[in-house]
Amino acid sequence: MSKGHHLWNMYITAAVSVALVLCLVGFECVLLLSAGTLLKRMKENVTLTVLLNEGVDSMACERFESMLSAADYCSSYRYVSADDALREHVETLGEDPSVFLGYNPLSASYEIHPSVGYAHPDSIAALDKLFTSLPYVDKVLYQENLVKVLNSNVSQAAIVLFVVAIVLLLIACVLIVNTIRLQIYSKRFLINTMTLVGATPWTIKSPFVWRYVLLGTLCSMVAIAAVAGVVYYVQIVLGIVLFPLSWHSLLFVAGTIFVAGILITLFSSLLATGRYIRMNINTMYEI
């Protein structure tokens, strides 16, 4: 096998290794975005049922809806009339209380979903006091224990995901560093020779640095295309929504892969060449 063919195989091996590791970084970003979307949906599913007083007029409802529309604590709301509440009760439980009572015991209400920033116990309690103080509101109902458990689980999940993300990132960095170190290992005697003839450290490092930064850039593009293809297939073809396909989320994933590819290969090549520059010729025969 010729020397050129051997070097070509080495660079292909390095490129494949770096691209696979950057794909891991990309899927890590997808995991974080998907988890963030799931946690957001869970918080937005918290519901406050605001029961209105009997006989409340339409003007009061309009004022209440205007207040909710202008407030940042309200993500969405739905008005449920007394007749609608009775019909939903019959569909759910299979019995009509108006038949034996002679009247509809249920009152009109609003089902309010608070914004993500307000979906924790203290804010929900404050909203309860705010709505209860209104003259046309009878009471506010919500599952207090569910809100507490949800926020506790969300906090724990966020910590676990953060730790997993850090561990995966460290694994990615170690794999790329070792891959590039093995590639530069074959050039250790050339590096030592350049040192002996008086070449400066940067003169020795620069060819390796630019070569592997270019490799990292190309591998980043390959990894971005691979991750984009997987996300497209899962979300568009299979219909499994991982996270909203907005410009912010797409740029976050692509930017993270691209920056990681450049920075990791940059520092890896600097560390590896610096190690062999500092070695003497006897030490190089021992490794």
Foldseek 3Di string as FASTA:
>chain_A
DDPVVVLVVLLVVLLVLLLVLLLLLLVLLLQVQLLVQVLQVVLQPFKKKWFWDPPDDPVVVVVVVVVLVPDQFFPDKDKAALVNVQVVVCVVVVDGPCVVVVDRPGGIIMITGTGNVQLALVSVVVVQVVSVPDPGTDGMDGDNVVSHVSVVVSVVVVVVSVVVSVVSLVVSLVSSLVSLLVSCLVCLVVLQVCVVVPHDLCVSLVVQLVVQLVSLQVSLVVSLVVSVVVQCCVCPVVVDDSHDPDPVSSCVSSVSSNVSSNVSSNVSSSVSSVVSNPDDPVVSVVD
